[in-house]
């Protein structure tokens, strides 16, 4: 049996002026992870670099203008047809207020030390969130 192909997705831990992190609750009509908390971001389209993809996804999902600061980690998951590799960056709000797209039902700003304790966080991001929380507590 042939192995499933990889797809690239980019996510971001957006920090506000108070250092809190933005999570978005996925819509109950989402194909994957209905009602789960997720980091903003999404798939990289063919021919698109991941930085452009992340800025585009964040603008579409939140209406925020952000700056990208550093690579914060990675994650992976699998669907019935592909394996997904995630690059997770960290960034800051430059301007704007959160205005959700139809892909999400609710935003929440969370203290970094509490990310790893979030119930209903998408399972593939739990190890990353726990490590990020630990480093924030130091």
N, C-alpha and C. Protein backbone atom coordinates (compact mmCIF):
# COMPACT_ATOMS: atom_id res chain seq x y z
N UNK A 1 0.84 -1.19 0.00
CA UNK A 1 0.00 0.00 0.00
C UNK A 1 0.88 1.25 0.00
N UNK A 2 0.54 2.22 -0.82
CA UNK A 2 1.30 3.46 -0.91
C UNK A 2 1.07 4.31 0.34
N UNK A 3 2.13 4.99 0.73
CA UNK A 3 2.01 5.90 1.87
C UNK A 3 1.22 7.13 1.46
N UNK A 4 0.55 7.71 2.43
CA UNK A 4 -0.21 8.94 2.18
C UNK A 4 0.76 10.10 1.94
N UNK A 5 0.43 11.01 1.04
CA UNK A 5 1.30 12.17 0.81
C UNK A 5 1.23 13.16 1.97
N UNK A 6 2.30 13.92 2.12
CA UNK A 6 2.33 14.98 3.11
C UNK A 6 1.73 16.26 2.54
N UNK A 7 1.10 17.03 3.41
CA UNK A 7 0.63 18.37 3.09
C UNK A 7 1.21 19.30 4.16
N UNK A 8 1.45 20.54 3.79
CA UNK A 8 2.00 21.52 4.73
C UNK A 8 0.91 22.47 5.19
N UNK A 9 0.87 22.69 6.50
CA UNK A 9 -0.05 23.66 7.09
C UNK A 9 0.77 24.54 8.03
N UNK A 10 0.37 25.79 8.13
CA UNK A 10 1.07 26.72 9.01
C UNK A 10 0.09 27.26 10.05
N UNK A 11 0.54 27.33 11.28
CA UNK A 11 -0.25 27.83 12.39
C UNK A 11 0.56 28.88 13.11
N UNK A 12 -0.12 29.66 13.95
CA UNK A 12 0.59 30.71 14.68
C UNK A 12 0.01 30.91 16.07
N UNK A 13 0.91 31.16 16.99
CA UNK A 13 0.55 31.62 18.33
C UNK A 13 0.62 33.14 18.24
N UNK A 14 -0.55 33.78 18.15
CA UNK A 14 -0.60 35.24 18.08
C UNK A 14 -0.66 35.78 19.50
N UNK A 15 0.28 36.67 19.85
CA UNK A 15 0.31 37.28 21.17
C UNK A 15 -0.23 38.71 21.05
N UNK A 16 -1.05 39.10 22.04
CA UNK A 16 -1.56 40.47 22.06
C UNK A 16 -0.61 41.35 22.87
N UNK A 17 -0.98 42.61 23.07
CA UNK A 17 -0.16 43.56 23.81
C UNK A 17 0.05 43.18 25.26
N UNK A 18 -0.79 42.30 25.79
CA UNK A 18 -0.65 41.82 27.17
C UNK A 18 0.04 40.46 27.23
N UNK A 19 0.50 39.95 26.08
CA UNK A 19 1.22 38.68 26.05
C UNK A 19 0.32 37.45 25.96
N UNK A 20 -1.00 37.66 25.90
CA UNK A 20 -1.92 36.50 25.82
C UNK A 20 -1.91 35.92 24.41
N UNK A 21 -2.35 34.67 24.29
CA UNK A 21 -2.34 33.92 23.04
C UNK A 21 -3.77 33.72 22.53
N UNK A 22 -3.95 33.87 21.23
CA UNK A 22 -5.26 33.73 20.62
C UNK A 22 -5.52 32.29 20.18
N UNK A 23 -6.67 31.77 20.60
CA UNK A 23 -7.17 30.49 20.11
C UNK A 23 -8.54 30.74 19.49
N UNK A 24 -8.89 29.91 18.51
CA UNK A 24 -10.17 30.03 17.83
C UNK A 24 -10.92 28.71 17.96
N UNK A 25 -12.21 28.78 18.28
CA UNK A 25 -13.02 27.57 18.36
C UNK A 25 -13.56 27.26 16.96
N UNK A 26 -13.22 26.07 16.48
CA UNK A 26 -13.66 25.66 15.14
C UNK A 26 -15.17 25.50 15.10
N UNK A 27 -15.74 25.90 14.00
CA UNK A 27 -17.19 25.81 13.80
C UNK A 27 -17.67 24.37 13.89
N UNK A 28 -18.89 24.20 14.32
CA UNK A 28 -19.49 22.87 14.37
C UNK A 28 -19.76 22.32 12.96
N UNK A 29 -19.64 23.18 11.95
CA UNK A 29 -19.81 22.71 10.57
C UNK A 29 -18.46 22.39 9.91
N UNK A 30 -17.37 22.50 10.66
CA UNK A 30 -16.04 22.19 10.12
C UNK A 30 -15.94 20.71 9.77
N UNK A 31 -15.15 20.43 8.77
CA UNK A 31 -14.94 19.04 8.36
C UNK A 31 -14.14 18.28 9.41
N UNK A 32 -13.15 18.94 10.01
CA UNK A 32 -12.28 18.31 11.00
C UNK A 32 -12.31 19.12 12.30
N UNK A 33 -12.20 18.44 13.41
CA UNK A 33 -12.07 19.06 14.75
C UNK A 33 -13.21 20.00 15.11
N UNK A 34 -14.42 19.59 14.84
CA UNK A 34 -15.61 20.40 15.16
C UNK A 34 -15.62 20.81 16.64
N UNK A 35 -15.80 22.10 16.89
CA UNK A 35 -15.93 22.59 18.26
C UNK A 35 -14.65 22.57 19.08
N UNK A 36 -13.52 22.29 18.46
CA UNK A 36 -12.24 22.24 19.17
C UNK A 36 -11.52 23.59 19.06
N UNK A 37 -10.70 23.87 20.06
CA UNK A 37 -9.86 25.07 20.02
C UNK A 37 -8.67 24.82 19.10
N UNK A 38 -8.31 25.84 18.35
CA UNK A 38 -7.27 25.71 17.33
C UNK A 38 -6.48 27.01 17.29
N UNK A 39 -5.26 26.92 16.77
CA UNK A 39 -4.46 28.11 16.50
C UNK A 39 -4.85 28.64 15.13
N UNK A 40 -4.81 29.95 14.93
CA UNK A 40 -5.08 30.49 13.59
C UNK A 40 -4.07 29.95 12.58
N UNK A 41 -4.52 29.86 11.34
CA UNK A 41 -3.65 29.41 10.26
C UNK A 41 -4.35 28.37 9.41
N UNK A 42 -3.60 27.79 8.48
CA UNK A 42 -4.19 26.80 7.61
C UNK A 42 -3.22 26.31 6.57
N UNK A 43 -3.78 25.72 5.51
CA UNK A 43 -2.95 25.06 4.51
C UNK A 43 -2.19 26.06 3.64
N UNK A 44 -1.09 25.55 3.12
CA UNK A 44 -0.28 26.30 2.18
C UNK A 44 -0.70 25.86 0.79
N UNK A 45 -1.14 26.79 -0.03
CA UNK A 45 -1.55 26.47 -1.39
C UNK A 45 -0.33 26.20 -2.27
N UNK A 46 -0.50 25.38 -3.33
CA UNK A 46 0.62 25.12 -4.24
C UNK A 46 1.20 26.42 -4.78
N UNK A 47 2.54 26.52 -4.73
CA UNK A 47 3.22 27.71 -5.23
C UNK A 47 3.28 28.86 -4.25
N UNK A 48 2.67 28.73 -3.09
CA UNK A 48 2.63 29.80 -2.09
C UNK A 48 3.70 29.51 -1.04
N UNK A 49 4.45 30.55 -0.63
CA UNK A 49 5.39 30.28 0.45
C UNK A 49 4.65 30.31 1.78
N UNK A 50 5.20 29.64 2.78
CA UNK A 50 4.44 29.46 4.02
C UNK A 50 4.20 30.76 4.77
N UNK A 51 5.09 31.73 4.63
CA UNK A 51 4.88 33.03 5.29
C UNK A 51 3.67 33.74 4.69
N UNK A 52 3.58 33.78 3.38
CA UNK A 52 2.43 34.39 2.70
C UNK A 52 1.15 33.66 3.07
N UNK A 53 1.21 32.33 3.11
CA UNK A 53 0.04 31.52 3.46
C UNK A 53 -0.45 31.85 4.86
N UNK A 54 0.47 31.98 5.79
CA UNK A 54 0.08 32.27 7.17
C UNK A 54 -0.53 33.65 7.31
N UNK A 55 0.08 34.65 6.70
CA UNK A 55 -0.49 36.01 6.76
C UNK A 55 -1.88 36.04 6.12
N UNK A 56 -2.04 35.33 5.00
CA UNK A 56 -3.34 35.27 4.32
C UNK A 56 -4.38 34.58 5.21
N UNK A 57 -4.03 33.42 5.75
CA UNK A 57 -4.97 32.68 6.59
C UNK A 57 -5.38 33.48 7.82
N UNK A 58 -4.43 34.14 8.48
CA UNK A 58 -4.75 34.93 9.67
C UNK A 58 -5.69 36.08 9.30
N UNK A 59 -5.41 36.77 8.20
CA UNK A 59 -6.30 37.86 7.77
C UNK A 59 -7.70 37.33 7.48
N UNK A 60 -7.80 36.18 6.79
CA UNK A 60 -9.11 35.60 6.47
C UNK A 60 -9.87 35.17 7.72
N UNK A 61 -9.17 34.53 8.66
CA UNK A 61 -9.82 33.95 9.83
C UNK A 61 -10.10 34.94 10.95
N UNK A 62 -9.25 35.98 11.07
CA UNK A 62 -9.36 36.88 12.23
C UNK A 62 -9.50 38.35 11.88
N UNK A 63 -9.13 38.74 10.68
CA UNK A 63 -9.13 40.15 10.32
C UNK A 63 -7.95 40.92 10.90
N UNK A 64 -7.05 40.24 11.59
CA UNK A 64 -5.91 40.90 12.22
C UNK A 64 -4.74 41.06 11.26
N UNK A 65 -4.00 42.14 11.45
CA UNK A 65 -2.70 42.30 10.81
C UNK A 65 -1.68 41.91 11.87
N UNK A 66 -0.78 41.01 11.51
CA UNK A 66 0.19 40.51 12.48
C UNK A 66 1.61 40.62 11.95
N UNK A 67 2.57 40.50 12.87
CA UNK A 67 3.97 40.36 12.49
C UNK A 67 4.41 38.96 12.87
N UNK A 68 5.27 38.38 12.07
CA UNK A 68 5.81 37.05 12.35
C UNK A 68 7.16 37.23 13.03
N UNK A 69 7.36 36.51 14.15
CA UNK A 69 8.58 36.73 14.92
C UNK A 69 9.55 35.56 14.94
N UNK A 70 9.04 34.33 15.12
CA UNK A 70 9.96 33.19 15.22
C UNK A 70 9.21 31.89 15.01
N UNK A 71 9.96 30.84 14.73
CA UNK A 71 9.40 29.50 14.68
C UNK A 71 9.26 29.04 16.13
N UNK A 72 8.07 28.62 16.50
CA UNK A 72 7.81 28.21 17.88
C UNK A 72 7.76 26.70 18.04
N UNK A 73 7.49 25.96 16.95
CA UNK A 73 7.42 24.51 17.07
C UNK A 73 6.81 23.86 15.85
N UNK A 74 6.43 22.61 16.04
CA UNK A 74 5.84 21.84 14.95
C UNK A 74 4.85 20.84 15.51
N UNK A 75 4.08 20.26 14.62
CA UNK A 75 3.11 19.23 15.00
C UNK A 75 2.81 18.41 13.75
N UNK A 76 2.07 17.32 13.93
CA UNK A 76 1.66 16.52 12.79
C UNK A 76 0.34 15.84 13.08
N UNK A 77 -0.38 15.51 12.02
CA UNK A 77 -1.63 14.77 12.14
C UNK A 77 -1.85 13.98 10.86
N UNK A 78 -2.92 13.19 10.88
CA UNK A 78 -3.22 12.36 9.71
C UNK A 78 -4.71 12.36 9.47
N UNK A 79 -5.09 12.46 8.21
CA UNK A 79 -6.49 12.32 7.80
C UNK A 79 -6.57 11.03 6.98
N UNK A 80 -7.75 10.64 6.56
CA UNK A 80 -7.84 9.42 5.75
C UNK A 80 -7.05 9.49 4.44
N UNK A 81 -6.77 10.69 3.94
CA UNK A 81 -6.10 10.78 2.64
C UNK A 81 -4.71 11.41 2.66
N UNK A 82 -4.29 12.03 3.78
CA UNK A 82 -2.97 12.66 3.80
C UNK A 82 -2.42 12.78 5.22
N UNK A 83 -1.12 13.02 5.28
CA UNK A 83 -0.43 13.33 6.53
C UNK A 83 -0.14 14.83 6.49
N UNK A 84 -0.37 15.50 7.60
CA UNK A 84 -0.21 16.94 7.63
C UNK A 84 0.95 17.30 8.57
N UNK A 85 1.92 18.04 8.02
CA UNK A 85 3.03 18.58 8.80
C UNK A 85 2.72 20.05 9.07
N UNK A 86 2.78 20.44 10.35
CA UNK A 86 2.49 21.81 10.75
C UNK A 86 3.78 22.51 11.17
N UNK A 87 3.98 23.71 10.68
CA UNK A 87 5.00 24.61 11.20
C UNK A 87 4.22 25.64 12.03
N UNK A 88 4.64 25.82 13.27
CA UNK A 88 3.94 26.75 14.17
C UNK A 88 4.88 27.92 14.46
N UNK A 89 4.44 29.12 14.11
CA UNK A 89 5.22 30.32 14.36
C UNK A 89 4.63 31.08 15.54
N UNK A 90 5.35 32.07 15.99
CA UNK A 90 4.86 32.99 17.01
C UNK A 90 4.89 34.38 16.39
N UNK A 91 3.88 35.18 16.71
CA UNK A 91 3.81 36.53 16.19
C UNK A 91 3.03 37.44 17.10
N UNK A 92 2.89 38.66 16.69
CA UNK A 92 2.21 39.68 17.50
C UNK A 92 1.16 40.40 16.66
N UNK A 93 0.16 40.91 17.35
CA UNK A 93 -0.85 41.74 16.70
C UNK A 93 -0.21 43.09 16.38
N UNK A 94 -0.33 43.51 15.13
CA UNK A 94 0.13 44.82 14.71
C UNK A 94 -1.04 45.80 14.81
N UNK A 95 -2.19 45.36 14.27
CA UNK A 95 -3.39 46.19 14.38
C UNK A 95 -4.63 45.37 14.06
N UNK A 96 -5.76 45.90 14.51
CA UNK A 96 -7.04 45.28 14.21
C UNK A 96 -7.69 44.66 15.43
N UNK A 97 -8.96 44.33 15.27
CA UNK A 97 -9.74 43.62 16.27
C UNK A 97 -10.15 42.29 15.65
N UNK A 98 -10.31 41.27 16.49
CA UNK A 98 -10.68 39.95 15.97
C UNK A 98 -12.08 40.00 15.37
N UNK A 99 -12.17 39.63 14.10
CA UNK A 99 -13.44 39.49 13.37
C UNK A 99 -13.39 38.12 12.72
N UNK A 100 -14.12 37.18 13.31
CA UNK A 100 -14.05 35.79 12.87
C UNK A 100 -14.71 35.53 11.53
N UNK A 101 -14.14 34.60 10.80
CA UNK A 101 -14.77 34.09 9.58
C UNK A 101 -15.78 33.03 9.99
N UNK A 102 -16.49 32.49 9.02
CA UNK A 102 -17.49 31.46 9.31
C UNK A 102 -16.85 30.13 9.71
N UNK A 103 -15.54 30.01 9.58
CA UNK A 103 -14.84 28.78 9.96
C UNK A 103 -14.77 28.59 11.47
N UNK A 104 -14.99 29.67 12.22
CA UNK A 104 -14.83 29.62 13.67
C UNK A 104 -16.02 30.26 14.36
N UNK A 105 -16.31 29.77 15.58
CA UNK A 105 -17.45 30.26 16.33
C UNK A 105 -17.09 31.24 17.44
N UNK A 106 -15.84 31.18 17.93
CA UNK A 106 -15.52 31.97 19.11
C UNK A 106 -14.00 32.14 19.22
N UNK A 107 -13.54 33.34 19.63
CA UNK A 107 -12.13 33.53 19.94
C UNK A 107 -11.94 33.53 21.46
N UNK A 108 -10.73 33.24 21.91
CA UNK A 108 -10.40 33.37 23.32
C UNK A 108 -8.92 33.75 23.41
N UNK A 109 -8.62 34.66 24.34
CA UNK A 109 -7.23 35.03 24.62
C UNK A 109 -6.84 34.31 25.90
N UNK A 110 -5.74 33.58 25.84
CA UNK A 110 -5.31 32.71 26.94
C UNK A 110 -3.89 33.09 27.37
N UNK A 111 -3.65 33.04 28.68
CA UNK A 111 -2.29 33.25 29.18
C UNK A 111 -1.41 32.10 28.65
N UNK A 112 -0.17 32.39 28.25
CA UNK A 112 0.69 31.34 27.70
C UNK A 112 0.83 30.13 28.63
N UNK A 113 0.91 30.36 29.92
CA UNK A 113 1.08 29.25 30.87
C UNK A 113 -0.15 28.34 30.91
N UNK A 114 -1.30 28.82 30.38
CA UNK A 114 -2.53 28.03 30.41
C UNK A 114 -2.83 27.30 29.11
N UNK A 115 -2.03 27.51 28.08
CA UNK A 115 -2.30 26.86 26.78
C UNK A 115 -2.35 25.34 26.91
N UNK A 116 -1.44 24.77 27.65
CA UNK A 116 -1.38 23.32 27.80
C UNK A 116 -2.52 22.73 28.60
N UNK A 117 -3.27 23.59 29.28
CA UNK A 117 -4.40 23.13 30.10
C UNK A 117 -5.74 23.27 29.37
N UNK A 118 -5.72 23.78 28.16
CA UNK A 118 -6.96 24.03 27.43
C UNK A 118 -7.66 22.72 27.10
N UNK A 119 -8.86 22.57 27.63
CA UNK A 119 -9.67 21.42 27.25
C UNK A 119 -10.18 21.65 25.84
N UNK A 120 -10.40 20.60 25.13
CA UNK A 120 -10.91 20.66 23.76
C UNK A 120 -9.98 21.37 22.79
N UNK A 121 -8.68 21.36 23.08
CA UNK A 121 -7.70 21.82 22.10
C UNK A 121 -7.54 20.70 21.07
N UNK A 122 -7.39 21.05 19.79
CA UNK A 122 -7.16 20.03 18.76
C UNK A 122 -6.02 19.12 19.23
N UNK A 123 -6.26 17.84 19.18
CA UNK A 123 -5.34 16.85 19.74
C UNK A 123 -3.91 16.98 19.20
N UNK A 124 -3.76 17.26 17.92
CA UNK A 124 -2.43 17.31 17.33
C UNK A 124 -1.58 18.45 17.90
N UNK A 125 -2.21 19.44 18.53
CA UNK A 125 -1.46 20.58 19.07
C UNK A 125 -1.21 20.48 20.57
N UNK A 126 -1.74 19.45 21.20
CA UNK A 126 -1.57 19.30 22.66
C UNK A 126 -0.10 19.22 23.08
N UNK A 127 0.74 18.36 22.46
CA UNK A 127 2.15 18.32 22.88
C UNK A 127 2.85 19.68 22.71
N UNK A 128 2.58 20.35 21.59
CA UNK A 128 3.17 21.68 21.38
C UNK A 128 2.71 22.65 22.46
N UNK A 129 1.40 22.69 22.74
CA UNK A 129 0.84 23.63 23.72
C UNK A 129 1.42 23.38 25.11
N UNK A 130 1.60 22.11 25.47
CA UNK A 130 2.18 21.80 26.78
C UNK A 130 3.63 22.27 26.87
N UNK A 131 4.40 22.05 25.82
CA UNK A 131 5.80 22.51 25.81
C UNK A 131 5.87 24.04 25.82
N UNK A 132 5.01 24.68 25.06
CA UNK A 132 4.99 26.15 25.00
C UNK A 132 4.62 26.72 26.36
N UNK A 133 3.64 26.12 27.01
CA UNK A 133 3.21 26.56 28.36
C UNK A 133 4.36 26.43 29.35
N UNK A 134 5.07 25.31 29.28
CA UNK A 134 6.20 25.08 30.19
C UNK A 134 7.28 26.11 30.01
N UNK A 135 7.60 26.44 28.75
CA UNK A 135 8.65 27.43 28.50
C UNK A 135 8.20 28.83 28.92
N UNK A 136 6.90 29.10 28.84
CA UNK A 136 6.37 30.41 29.25
C UNK A 136 6.40 30.56 30.77
N UNK A 137 6.32 29.45 31.48
CA UNK A 137 6.28 29.50 32.94
C UNK A 137 7.68 29.69 33.53
N UNK A 138 8.72 29.49 32.71
CA UNK A 138 10.10 29.61 33.21
C UNK A 138 10.50 31.04 33.42
